[in-house]
PDB file of all heavy atoms in Angstrom:
ATOM      1  N   THR A   1      17.146  22.552 -12.237  1.00  0.00           N
ATOM      2  CA  THR A   1      18.552  22.278 -11.966  1.00  0.00           C
ATOM      3  C   THR A   1      18.683  20.893 -11.361  1.00  0.00           C
ATOM      4  O   THR A   1      18.056  20.594 -10.336  1.00  0.00           O
ATOM      5  CB  THR A   1      19.145  23.310 -10.993  1.00  0.00           C
ATOM      6  OG1 THR A   1      18.999  24.628 -11.542  1.00  0.00           O
ATOM      7  CG2 THR A   1      20.625  23.029 -10.755  1.00  0.00           C
ATOM      8  N   ILE A   2      19.492  20.062 -12.001  1.00  0.00           N
ATOM      9  CA  ILE A   2      19.764  18.726 -11.474  1.00  0.00           C
ATOM     10  C   ILE A   2      21.112  18.760 -10.765  1.00  0.00           C
ATOM     11  O   ILE A   2      22.055  19.422 -11.214  1.00  0.00           O
ATOM     12  CB  ILE A   2      19.751  17.664 -12.594  1.00  0.00           C
ATOM     13  CG1 ILE A   2      19.839  16.256 -12.012  1.00  0.00           C
ATOM     14  CG2 ILE A   2      20.836  17.921 -13.633  1.00  0.00           C
ATOM     15  CD1 ILE A   2      19.620  15.147 -13.046  1.00  0.00           C
ATOM     16  N   SER A   3      21.189  18.071  -9.637  1.00  0.00           N
ATOM     17  CA  SER A   3      22.436  18.020  -8.891  1.00  0.00           C
ATOM     18  C   SER A   3      22.536  16.677  -8.179  1.00  0.00           C
ATOM     19  O   SER A   3      21.555  15.940  -8.081  1.00  0.00           O
ATOM     20  CB  SER A   3      22.504  19.168  -7.874  1.00  0.00           C
ATOM     21  OG  SER A   3      21.459  19.073  -6.928  1.00  0.00           O
ATOM     22  N   ARG A   4      23.722  16.373  -7.699  1.00  0.00           N
ATOM     23  CA  ARG A   4      23.928  15.127  -6.978  1.00  0.00           C
ATOM     24  C   ARG A   4      24.825  15.373  -5.779  1.00  0.00           C
ATOM     25  O   ARG A   4      25.679  16.254  -5.794  1.00  0.00           O
ATOM     26  CB  ARG A   4      24.529  14.062  -7.895  1.00  0.00           C
ATOM     27  CG  ARG A   4      25.913  14.376  -8.425  1.00  0.00           C
ATOM     28  CD  ARG A   4      26.331  13.344  -9.487  1.00  0.00           C
ATOM     29  NE  ARG A   4      26.545  12.019  -8.903  1.00  0.00           N
ATOM     30  CZ  ARG A   4      26.521  10.884  -9.600  1.00  0.00           C
ATOM     31  NH1 ARG A   4      26.289  10.921 -10.914  1.00  0.00           N
ATOM     32  NH2 ARG A   4      26.752   9.736  -9.012  1.00  0.00           N
ATOM     33  N   ASP A   5      24.587  14.569  -4.743  1.00  0.00           N
ATOM     34  CA  ASP A   5      25.411  14.608  -3.544  1.00  0.00           C
ATOM     35  C   ASP A   5      25.935  13.198  -3.331  1.00  0.00           C
ATOM     36  O   ASP A   5      25.199  12.328  -2.829  1.00  0.00           O
ATOM     37  CB  ASP A   5      24.588  15.095  -2.350  1.00  0.00           C
ATOM     38  CG  ASP A   5      25.444  15.329  -1.116  1.00  0.00           C
ATOM     39  OD1 ASP A   5      26.420  14.585  -0.912  1.00  0.00           O
ATOM     40  OD2 ASP A   5      25.129  16.250  -0.333  1.00  0.00           O
ATOM     41  N   ASN A   6      27.166  12.965  -3.720  1.00  0.00           N
ATOM     42  CA  ASN A   6      27.725  11.620  -3.636  1.00  0.00           C
ATOM     43  C   ASN A   6      27.909  11.151  -2.199  1.00  0.00           C
ATOM     44  O   ASN A   6      27.941   9.948  -1.935  1.00  0.00           O
ATOM     45  CB  ASN A   6      29.050  11.561  -4.384  1.00  0.00           C
ATOM     46  CG  ASN A   6      28.873  11.635  -5.891  1.00  0.00           C
ATOM     47  OD1 ASN A   6      27.758  11.610  -6.405  1.00  0.00           O
ATOM     48  ND2 ASN A   6      29.979  11.735  -6.609  1.00  0.00           N
ATOM     49  N   ALA A   7      28.033  12.072  -1.271  1.00  0.00           N
ATOM     50  CA  ALA A   7      28.176  11.693   0.133  1.00  0.00           C
ATOM     51  C   ALA A   7      26.862  11.166   0.699  1.00  0.00           C
ATOM     52  O   ALA A   7      26.856  10.296   1.570  1.00  0.00           O
ATOM     53  CB  ALA A   7      28.676  12.870   0.948  1.00  0.00           C
ATOM     54  N   LEU A   8      25.754  11.703   0.205  1.00  0.00           N
ATOM     55  CA  LEU A   8      24.434  11.299   0.695  1.00  0.00           C
ATOM     56  C   LEU A   8      23.781  10.244  -0.191  1.00  0.00           C
ATOM     57  O   LEU A   8      22.716   9.731   0.156  1.00  0.00           O
ATOM     58  CB  LEU A   8      23.507  12.512   0.771  1.00  0.00           C
ATOM     59  CG  LEU A   8      23.889  13.613   1.754  1.00  0.00           C
ATOM     60  CD1 LEU A   8      22.897  14.769   1.663  1.00  0.00           C
ATOM     61  CD2 LEU A   8      23.940  13.063   3.178  1.00  0.00           C
ATOM     62  N   ASN A   9      24.397   9.934  -1.340  1.00  0.00           N
ATOM     63  CA  ASN A   9      23.794   9.017  -2.321  1.00  0.00           C
ATOM     64  C   ASN A   9      22.431   9.529  -2.781  1.00  0.00           C
ATOM     65  O   ASN A   9      21.454   8.773  -2.852  1.00  0.00           O
ATOM     66  CB  ASN A   9      23.659   7.609  -1.754  1.00  0.00           C
ATOM     67  CG  ASN A   9      24.991   6.889  -1.680  1.00  0.00           C
ATOM     68  OD1 ASN A   9      26.039   7.478  -1.931  1.00  0.00           O
ATOM     69  ND2 ASN A   9      24.957   5.624  -1.311  1.00  0.00           N
ATOM     70  N   MET A  10      22.401  10.817  -3.094  1.00  0.00           N
ATOM     71  CA  MET A  10      21.128  11.416  -3.506  1.00  0.00           C
ATOM     72  C   MET A  10      21.311  12.309  -4.725  1.00  0.00           C
ATOM     73  O   MET A  10      22.374  12.880  -4.950  1.00  0.00           O
ATOM     74  CB  MET A  10      20.520  12.228  -2.359  1.00  0.00           C
ATOM     75  CG  MET A  10      20.111  11.377  -1.170  1.00  0.00           C
ATOM     76  SD  MET A  10      19.096  12.261   0.018  1.00  0.00           S
ATOM     77  CE  MET A  10      17.565  12.418  -0.890  1.00  0.00           C
ATOM     78  N   VAL A  11      20.232  12.412  -5.472  1.00  0.00           N
ATOM     79  CA  VAL A  11      20.153  13.279  -6.638  1.00  0.00           C
ATOM     80  C   VAL A  11      18.935  14.171  -6.450  1.00  0.00           C
ATOM     81  O   VAL A  11      17.912  13.731  -5.905  1.00  0.00           O
ATOM     82  CB  VAL A  11      20.024  12.454  -7.934  1.00  0.00           C
ATOM     83  CG1 VAL A  11      19.853  13.365  -9.143  1.00  0.00           C
ATOM     84  CG2 VAL A  11      21.242  11.562  -8.108  1.00  0.00           C
ATOM     85  N   PHE A  12      19.041  15.406  -6.913  1.00  0.00           N
ATOM     86  CA  PHE A  12      17.966  16.369  -6.718  1.00  0.00           C
ATOM     87  C   PHE A  12      17.563  17.006  -8.042  1.00  0.00           C
ATOM     88  O   PHE A  12      18.373  17.120  -8.958  1.00  0.00           O
ATOM     89  CB  PHE A  12      18.403  17.465  -5.745  1.00  0.00           C
ATOM     90  CG  PHE A  12      18.905  16.938  -4.436  1.00  0.00           C
ATOM     91  CD1 PHE A  12      20.260  16.790  -4.196  1.00  0.00           C
ATOM     92  CD2 PHE A  12      18.013  16.573  -3.433  1.00  0.00           C
ATOM     93  CE1 PHE A  12      20.729  16.294  -2.992  1.00  0.00           C
ATOM     94  CE2 PHE A  12      18.463  16.066  -2.225  1.00  0.00           C
ATOM     95  CZ  PHE A  12      19.820  15.923  -1.999  1.00  0.00           C
ATOM     96  N   LEU A  13      16.314  17.420  -8.092  1.00  0.00           N
ATOM     97  CA  LEU A  13      15.838  18.218  -9.224  1.00  0.00           C
ATOM     98  C   LEU A  13      15.115  19.425  -8.643  1.00  0.00           C
ATOM     99  O   LEU A  13      14.022  19.294  -8.091  1.00  0.00           O
ATOM    100  CB  LEU A  13      14.899  17.423 -10.126  1.00  0.00           C
ATOM    101  CG  LEU A  13      14.460  18.159 -11.387  1.00  0.00           C
ATOM    102  CD1 LEU A  13      15.642  18.355 -12.340  1.00  0.00           C
ATOM    103  CD2 LEU A  13      13.340  17.396 -12.105  1.00  0.00           C
ATOM    104  N   GLU A  14      15.758  20.569  -8.753  1.00  0.00           N
ATOM    105  CA  GLU A  14      15.160  21.815  -8.311  1.00  0.00           C
ATOM    106  C   GLU A  14      14.364  22.389  -9.473  1.00  0.00           C
ATOM    107  O   GLU A  14      14.915  22.603 -10.555  1.00  0.00           O
ATOM    108  CB  GLU A  14      16.242  22.812  -7.892  1.00  0.00           C
ATOM    109  CG  GLU A  14      17.111  22.356  -6.746  1.00  0.00           C
ATOM    110  CD  GLU A  14      16.540  22.751  -5.389  1.00  0.00           C
ATOM    111  OE1 GLU A  14      15.427  23.325  -5.356  1.00  0.00           O
ATOM    112  OE2 GLU A  14      17.201  22.482  -4.383  1.00  0.00           O
ATOM    113  N   MET A  15      13.076  22.612  -9.254  1.00  0.00           N
ATOM    114  CA  MET A  15      12.208  23.109 -10.311  1.00  0.00           C
ATOM    115  C   MET A  15      11.621  24.447  -9.886  1.00  0.00           C
ATOM    116  O   MET A  15      11.090  24.575  -8.786  1.00  0.00           O
ATOM    117  CB  MET A  15      11.081  22.117 -10.597  1.00  0.00           C
ATOM    118  CG  MET A  15      11.582  20.711 -10.937  1.00  0.00           C
ATOM    119  SD  MET A  15      10.255  19.599 -11.425  1.00  0.00           S
ATOM    120  CE  MET A  15       9.363  19.469  -9.885  1.00  0.00           C
ATOM    121  N   SER A  16      11.717  25.428 -10.751  1.00  0.00           N
ATOM    122  CA  SER A  16      11.155  26.743 -10.463  1.00  0.00           C
ATOM    123  C   SER A  16      10.348  27.229 -11.659  1.00  0.00           C
ATOM    124  O   SER A  16      10.407  26.625 -12.735  1.00  0.00           O
ATOM    125  CB  SER A  16      12.268  27.742 -10.122  1.00  0.00           C
ATOM    126  OG  SER A  16      13.136  27.897 -11.227  1.00  0.00           O
ATOM    127  N   SER A  17       9.621  28.320 -11.455  1.00  0.00           N
ATOM    128  CA  SER A  17       8.757  28.869 -12.512  1.00  0.00           C
ATOM    129  C   SER A  17       7.904  27.775 -13.138  1.00  0.00           C
ATOM    130  O   SER A  17       7.784  27.668 -14.363  1.00  0.00           O
ATOM    131  CB  SER A  17       9.605  29.560 -13.588  1.00  0.00           C
ATOM    132  OG  SER A  17      10.390  30.592 -13.030  1.00  0.00           O
ATOM    133  N   LEU A  18       7.320  26.960 -12.289  1.00  0.00           N
ATOM    134  CA  LEU A  18       6.573  25.797 -12.767  1.00  0.00           C
ATOM    135  C   LEU A  18       5.320  26.216 -13.534  1.00  0.00           C
ATOM    136  O   LEU A  18       4.670  27.227 -13.201  1.00  0.00           O
ATOM    137  CB  LEU A  18       6.213  24.888 -11.605  1.00  0.00           C
ATOM    138  CG  LEU A  18       7.389  24.040 -11.093  1.00  0.00           C
ATOM    139  CD1 LEU A  18       7.098  23.483  -9.713  1.00  0.00           C
ATOM    140  CD2 LEU A  18       7.676  22.912 -12.078  1.00  0.00           C
ATOM    141  N   LYS A  19       5.017  25.418 -14.540  1.00  0.00           N
ATOM    142  CA  LYS A  19       3.879  25.665 -15.416  1.00  0.00           C
ATOM    143  C   LYS A  19       2.922  24.479 -15.342  1.00  0.00           C
ATOM    144  O   LYS A  19       3.343  23.355 -15.013  1.00  0.00           O
ATOM    145  CB  LYS A  19       4.354  25.830 -16.857  1.00  0.00           C
ATOM    146  CG  LYS A  19       5.441  26.872 -17.048  1.00  0.00           C
ATOM    147  CD  LYS A  19       5.971  26.850 -18.472  1.00  0.00           C
ATOM    148  CE  LYS A  19       7.112  27.837 -18.669  1.00  0.00           C
ATOM    149  NZ  LYS A  19       7.649  27.794 -20.049  1.00  0.00           N
ATOM    150  N   PRO A  20       1.654  24.690 -15.665  1.00  0.00           N
ATOM    151  CA  PRO A  20       0.716  23.557 -15.657  1.00  0.00           C
ATOM    152  C   PRO A  20       1.195  22.405 -16.538  1.00  0.00           C
ATOM    153  O   PRO A  20       0.950  21.230 -16.199  1.00  0.00           O
ATOM    154  CB  PRO A  20      -0.571  24.181 -16.197  1.00  0.00           C
ATOM    155  CG  PRO A  20      -0.489  25.609 -15.767  1.00  0.00           C
ATOM    156  CD  PRO A  20       0.967  25.964 -15.906  1.00  0.00           C
ATOM    157  N   GLU A  21       1.881  22.695 -17.621  1.00  0.00           N
ATOM    158  CA  GLU A  21       2.364  21.622 -18.496  1.00  0.00           C
ATOM    159  C   GLU A  21       3.526  20.821 -17.905  1.00  0.00           C
ATOM    160  O   GLU A  21       3.952  19.833 -18.500  1.00  0.00           O
ATOM    161  CB  GLU A  21       2.773  22.186 -19.864  1.00  0.00           C
ATOM    162  CG  GLU A  21       3.714  23.367 -19.816  1.00  0.00           C
ATOM    163  CD  GLU A  21       2.973  24.698 -19.932  1.00  0.00           C
ATOM    164  OE1 GLU A  21       1.915  24.867 -19.280  1.00  0.00           O
ATOM    165  OE2 GLU A  21       3.488  25.581 -20.669  1.00  0.00           O
ATOM    166  N   ASP A  22       4.024  21.239 -16.755  1.00  0.00           N
ATOM    167  CA  ASP A  22       5.031  20.439 -16.037  1.00  0.00           C
ATOM    168  C   ASP A  22       4.374  19.336 -15.206  1.00  0.00           C
ATOM    169  O   ASP A  22       5.075  18.500 -14.636  1.00  0.00           O
ATOM    170  CB  ASP A  22       5.864  21.332 -15.111  1.00  0.00           C
ATOM    171  CG  ASP A  22       6.733  22.324 -15.872  1.00  0.00           C
ATOM    172  OD1 ASP A  22       7.334  21.922 -16.894  1.00  0.00           O
ATOM    173  OD2 ASP A  22       6.793  23.489 -15.448  1.00  0.00           O
ATOM    174  N   THR A  23       3.076  19.355 -15.133  1.00  0.00           N
ATOM    175  CA  THR A  23       2.354  18.316 -14.388  1.00  0.00           C
ATOM    176  C   THR A  23       2.625  16.948 -14.983  1.00  0.00           C
ATOM    177  O   THR A  23       2.440  16.733 -16.181  1.00  0.00           O
ATOM    178  CB  THR A  23       0.838  18.597 -14.404  1.00  0.00           C
ATOM    179  OG1 THR A  23       0.587  19.821 -13.704  1.00  0.00           O
ATOM    180  CG2 THR A  23       0.071  17.455 -13.738  1.00  0.00           C
ATOM    181  N   ALA A  24       3.091  16.031 -14.149  1.00  0.00           N
ATOM    182  CA  ALA A  24       3.456  14.686 -14.611  1.00  0.00           C
ATOM    183  C   ALA A  24       3.912  13.866 -13.416  1.00  0.00           C
ATOM    184  O   ALA A  24       4.091  14.398 -12.316  1.00  0.00           O
ATOM    185  CB  ALA A  24       4.583  14.763 -15.638  1.00  0.00           C
ATOM    186  N   VAL A  25       4.105  12.585 -13.657  1.00  0.00           N
ATOM    187  CA  VAL A  25       4.819  11.750 -12.703  1.00  0.00           C
ATOM    188  C   VAL A  25       6.298  11.825 -13.078  1.00  0.00           C
ATOM    189  O   VAL A  25       6.663  11.611 -14.237  1.00  0.00           O
ATOM    190  CB  VAL A  25       4.339  10.293 -12.728  1.00  0.00           C
ATOM    191  CG1 VAL A  25       5.148   9.446 -11.745  1.00  0.00           C
ATOM    192  CG2 VAL A  25       2.855  10.223 -12.389  1.00  0.00           C
ATOM    193  N   TYR A  26       7.125  12.146 -12.105  1.00  0.00           N
ATOM    194  CA  TYR A  26       8.560  12.304 -12.332  1.00  0.00           C
ATOM    195  C   TYR A  26       9.290  11.072 -11.803  1.00  0.00           C
ATOM    196  O   TYR A  26       9.083  10.659 -10.661  1.00  0.00           O
ATOM    197  CB  TYR A  26       9.072  13.567 -11.642  1.00  0.00           C
ATOM    198  CG  TYR A  26       8.715  14.819 -12.395  1.00  0.00           C
ATOM    199  CD1 TYR A  26       7.395  15.268 -12.434  1.00  0.00           C
ATOM    200  CD2 TYR A  26       9.674  15.539 -13.096  1.00  0.00           C
ATOM    201  CE1 TYR A  26       7.046  16.406 -13.154  1.00  0.00           C
ATOM    202  CE2 TYR A  26       9.332  16.682 -13.816  1.00  0.00           C
ATOM    203  CZ  TYR A  26       8.020  17.100 -13.839  1.00  0.00           C
ATOM    204  OH  TYR A  26       7.680  18.223 -14.549  1.00  0.00           O
ATOM    205  N   PHE A  27      10.138  10.509 -12.654  1.00  0.00           N
ATOM    206  CA  PHE A  27      10.868   9.293 -12.335  1.00  0.00           C
ATOM    207  C   PHE A  27      12.370   9.573 -12.311  1.00  0.00           C
ATOM    208  O   PHE A  27      12.892  10.282 -13.181  1.00  0.00           O
ATOM    209  CB  PHE A  27      10.604   8.213 -13.388  1.00  0.00           C
ATOM    210  CG  PHE A  27       9.190   7.759 -13.477  1.00  0.00           C
ATOM    211  CD1 PHE A  27       8.276   8.398 -14.310  1.00  0.00           C
ATOM    212  CD2 PHE A  27       8.751   6.671 -12.730  1.00  0.00           C
ATOM    213  CE1 PHE A  27       6.966   7.970 -14.403  1.00  0.00           C
ATOM    214  CE2 PHE A  27       7.439   6.233 -12.814  1.00  0.00           C
ATOM    215  CZ  PHE A  27       6.543   6.884 -13.646  1.00  0.00           C
ATOM    216  N   CYS A  28      13.041   8.966 -11.378  1.00  0.00           N
ATOM    217  CA  CYS A  28      14.498   9.014 -11.298  1.00  0.00           C
ATOM    218  C   CYS A  28      15.050   7.699 -11.851  1.00  0.00           C
ATOM    219  O   CYS A  28      14.509   6.624 -11.569  1.00  0.00           O
ATOM    220  CB  CYS A  28      14.924   9.209  -9.852  1.00  0.00           C
ATOM    221  SG  CYS A  28      16.716   9.246  -9.582  1.00  0.00           S
ATOM    222  N   ARG A  29      16.108   7.806 -12.630  1.00  0.00           N
ATOM    223  CA  ARG A  29      16.741   6.616 -13.187  1.00  0.00           C
ATOM    224  C   ARG A  29      18.228   6.658 -12.875  1.00  0.00           C
ATOM    225  O   ARG A  29      18.884   7.674 -13.088  1.00  0.00           O
ATOM    226  CB  ARG A  29      16.536   6.565 -14.702  1.00  0.00           C
ATOM    227  CG  ARG A  29      17.087   5.330 -15.357  1.00  0.00           C
ATOM    228  CD  ARG A  29      16.838   5.334 -16.849  1.00  0.00           C
ATOM    229  NE  ARG A  29      17.677   6.309 -17.535  1.00  0.00           N
ATOM    230  CZ  ARG A  29      18.327   6.078 -18.674  1.00  0.00           C
ATOM    231  NH1 ARG A  29      18.243   4.889 -19.244  1.00  0.00           N
ATOM    232  NH2 ARG A  29      19.050   7.020 -19.249  1.00  0.00           N
ATOM    233  N   ALA A  30      18.733   5.529 -12.400  1.00  0.00           N
ATOM    234  CA  ALA A  30      20.164   5.348 -12.179  1.00  0.00           C
ATOM    235  C   ALA A  30      20.673   4.390 -13.244  1.00  0.00           C
ATOM    236  O   ALA A  30      20.059   3.352 -13.488  1.00  0.00           O
ATOM    237  CB  ALA A  30      20.427   4.773 -10.791  1.00  0.00           C
ATOM    238  N   TYR A  31      21.807   4.730 -13.892  1.00  0.00           N
ATOM    239  CA  TYR A  31      22.239   3.856 -14.979  1.00  0.00           C
ATOM    240  C   TYR A  31      23.738   3.893 -15.181  1.00  0.00           C
ATOM    241  O   TYR A  31      24.426   4.879 -14.896  1.00  0.00           O
ATOM    242  CB  TYR A  31      21.525   4.217 -16.284  1.00  0.00           C
ATOM    243  CG  TYR A  31      21.901   5.575 -16.850  1.00  0.00           C
ATOM    244  CD1 TYR A  31      22.879   5.688 -17.842  1.00  0.00           C
ATOM    245  CD2 TYR A  31      21.281   6.735 -16.410  1.00  0.00           C
ATOM    246  CE1 TYR A  31      23.225   6.918 -18.362  1.00  0.00           C
ATOM    247  CE2 TYR A  31      21.617   7.977 -16.918  1.00  0.00           C
ATOM    248  CZ  TYR A  31      22.587   8.069 -17.896  1.00  0.00           C
ATOM    249  OH  TYR A  31      22.934   9.293 -18.411  1.00  0.00           O
ATOM    250  N   THR A  32      24.216   2.754 -15.650  1.00  0.00           N
ATOM    251  CA  THR A  32      25.552   2.644 -16.219  1.00  0.00           C
ATOM    252  C   THR A  32      25.361   2.046 -17.612  1.00  0.00           C
ATOM    253  O   THR A  32      24.229   1.872 -18.070  1.00  0.00           O
ATOM    254  CB  THR A  32      26.457   1.735 -15.375  1.00  0.00           C
ATOM    255  OG1 THR A  32      25.931   0.394 -15.412  1.00  0.00           O
ATOM    256  CG2 THR A  32      26.530   2.193 -13.930  1.00  0.00           C
ATOM    257  N   ARG A  33      26.444   1.674 -18.266  1.00  0.00           N
ATOM    258  CA  ARG A  33      26.305   1.054 -19.582  1.00  0.00           C
ATOM    259  C   ARG A  33      25.604  -0.285 -19.488  1.00  0.00           C
ATOM    260  O   ARG A  33      25.015  -0.766 -20.458  1.00  0.00           O
ATOM    261  CB  ARG A  33      27.680   0.890 -20.217  1.00  0.00           C
ATOM    262  CG  ARG A  33      28.314   2.192 -20.658  1.00  0.00           C
ATOM    263  CD  ARG A  33      29.637   1.955 -21.362  1.00  0.00           C
ATOM    264  NE  ARG A  33      30.245   3.200 -21.814  1.00  0.00           N
ATOM    265  CZ  ARG A  33      31.406   3.261 -22.438  1.00  0.00           C
ATOM    266  NH1 ARG A  33      32.086   2.164 -22.719  1.00  0.00           N
ATOM    267  NH2 ARG A  33      31.890   4.442 -22.809  1.00  0.00           N
ATOM    268  N   ARG A  34      25.691  -0.931 -18.333  1.00  0.00           N
ATOM    269  CA  ARG A  34      25.176  -2.294 -18.213  1.00  0.00           C
ATOM    270  C   ARG A  34      23.920  -2.397 -17.356  1.00  0.00           C
ATOM    271  O   ARG A  34      23.232  -3.420 -17.405  1.00  0.00           O
ATOM    272  CB  ARG A  34      26.246  -3.199 -17.616  1.00  0.00           C
ATOM    273  CG  ARG A  34      27.496  -3.293 -18.444  1.00  0.00           C
ATOM    274  CD  ARG A  34      28.533  -4.177 -17.774  1.00  0.00           C
ATOM    275  NE  ARG A  34      29.751  -4.295 -18.569  1.00  0.00           N
ATOM    276  CZ  ARG A  34      30.825  -4.969 -18.183  1.00  0.00           C
ATOM    277  NH1 ARG A  34      30.834  -5.582 -17.029  1.00  0.00           N
ATOM    278  NH2 ARG A  34      31.887  -5.022 -18.954  1.00  0.00           N
ATOM    279  N   THR A  35      23.636  -1.400 -16.556  1.00  0.00           N
ATOM    280  CA  THR A  35      22.584  -1.539 -15.556  1.00  0.00           C
ATOM    281  C   THR A  35      21.686  -0.315 -15.524  1.00  0.00           C
ATOM    282  O   THR A  35      22.170   0.805 -15.644  1.00  0.00           O
ATOM    283  CB  THR A  35      23.207  -1.730 -14.155  1.00  0.00           C
ATOM    284  OG1 THR A  35      24.195  -2.760 -14.227  1.00  0.00           O
ATOM    285  CG2 THR A  35      22.156  -2.128 -13.146  1.00  0.00           C
ATOM    286  N   ILE A  36      20.403  -0.559 -15.351  1.00  0.00           N
ATOM    287  CA  ILE A  36      19.439   0.530 -15.215  1.00  0.00           C
ATOM    288  C   ILE A  36      18.502   0.216 -14.054  1.00  0.00           C
ATOM    289  O   ILE A  36      18.000  -0.911 -13.940  1.00  0.00           O
ATOM    290  CB  ILE A  36      18.598   0.703 -16.493  1.00  0.00           C
ATOM    291  CG1 ILE A  36      19.479   1.131 -17.664  1.00  0.00           C
ATOM    292  CG2 ILE A  36      17.492   1.734 -16.269  1.00  0.00           C
ATOM    293  CD1 ILE A  36      18.729   1.195 -18.988  1.00  0.00           C
ATOM    294  N   TYR A  37      18.286   1.206 -13.221  1.00  0.00           N
ATOM    295  CA  TYR A  37      17.306   1.094 -12.139  1.00  0.00           C
ATOM    296  C   TYR A  37      16.386   2.312 -12.179  1.00  0.00           C
ATOM    297  O   TYR A  37      16.857   3.446 -12.263  1.00  0.00           O
ATOM    298  CB  TYR A  37      17.991   1.035 -10.767  1.00  0.00           C
ATOM    299  CG  TYR A  37      18.908  -0.143 -10.590  1.00  0.00           C
ATOM    300  CD1 TYR A  37      20.293   0.007 -10.598  1.00  0.00           C
ATOM    301  CD2 TYR A  37      18.398  -1.427 -10.415  1.00  0.00           C
ATOM    302  CE1 TYR A  37      21.139  -1.072 -10.437  1.00  0.00           C
ATOM    303  CE2 TYR A  37      19.241  -2.513 -10.261  1.00  0.00           C
ATOM    304  CZ  TYR A  37      20.606  -2.327 -10.275  1.00  0.00           C
ATOM    305  OH  TYR A  37      21.443  -3.408 -10.120  1.00  0.00           O
ATOM    306  N   TRP A  38      15.085   2.023 -12.084  1.00  0.00           N
ATOM    307  CA  TRP A  38      14.081   3.079 -12.066  1.00  0.00           C
ATOM    308  C   TRP A  38      13.437   3.167 -10.695  1.00  0.00           C
ATOM    309  O   TRP A  38      13.234   2.149 -10.024  1.00  0.00           O
ATOM    310  CB  TRP A  38      12.975   2.779 -13.074  1.00  0.00           C
ATOM    311  CG  TRP A  38      13.328   2.981 -14.499  1.00  0.00           C
ATOM    312  CD1 TRP A  38      13.790   2.036 -15.375  1.00  0.00           C
ATOM    313  CD2 TRP A  38      13.203   4.193 -15.253  1.00  0.00           C
ATOM    314  NE1 TRP A  38      13.972   2.594 -16.618  1.00  0.00           N
ATOM    315  CE2 TRP A  38      13.615   3.916 -16.575  1.00  0.00           C
ATOM    316  CE3 TRP A  38      12.781   5.492 -14.949  1.00  0.00           C
ATOM    317  CZ2 TRP A  38      13.620   4.880 -17.587  1.00  0.00           C
ATOM    318  CZ3 TRP A  38      12.781   6.448 -15.945  1.00  0.00           C
ATOM    319  CH2 TRP A  38      13.202   6.151 -17.255  1.00  0.00           C
ATOM    320  N   GLY A  39      13.068   4.363 -10.314  1.00  0.00           N
ATOM    321  CA  GLY A  39      12.243   4.539  -9.142  1.00  0.00           C
ATOM    322  C   GLY A  39      10.777   4.383  -9.503  1.00  0.00           C
ATOM    323  O   GLY A  39      10.423   4.180 -10.667  1.00  0.00           O
ATOM    324  N   GLN A  40       9.931   4.518  -8.497  1.00  0.00           N
ATOM    325  CA  GLN A  40       8.497   4.302  -8.694  1.00  0.00           C
ATOM    326  C   GLN A  40       7.772   5.570  -9.123  1.00  0.00           C
ATOM    327  O   GLN A  40       6.617   5.511  -9.535  1.00  0.00           O
ATOM    328  CB  GLN A  40       7.863   3.764  -7.401  1.00  0.00           C
ATOM    329  CG  GLN A  40       7.503   4.821  -6.359  1.00  0.00           C
ATOM    330  CD  GLN A  40       8.721   5.472  -5.703  1.00  0.00           C
ATOM    331  OE1 GLN A  40       9.845   4.983  -5.808  1.00  0.00           O
ATOM    332  NE2 GLN A  40       8.493   6.577  -4.999  1.00  0.00           N
TER     333      GLN A  40
END
């Protein structure tokens, strides 16, 4: 489940029933039509 809190300027990803194939580096991206920012 993805959600956002505009008051806190935060986005969340709640993950449940995790599987070994979910193993990865997870990146957050902020974007508009003109701008993209990636996290590390």
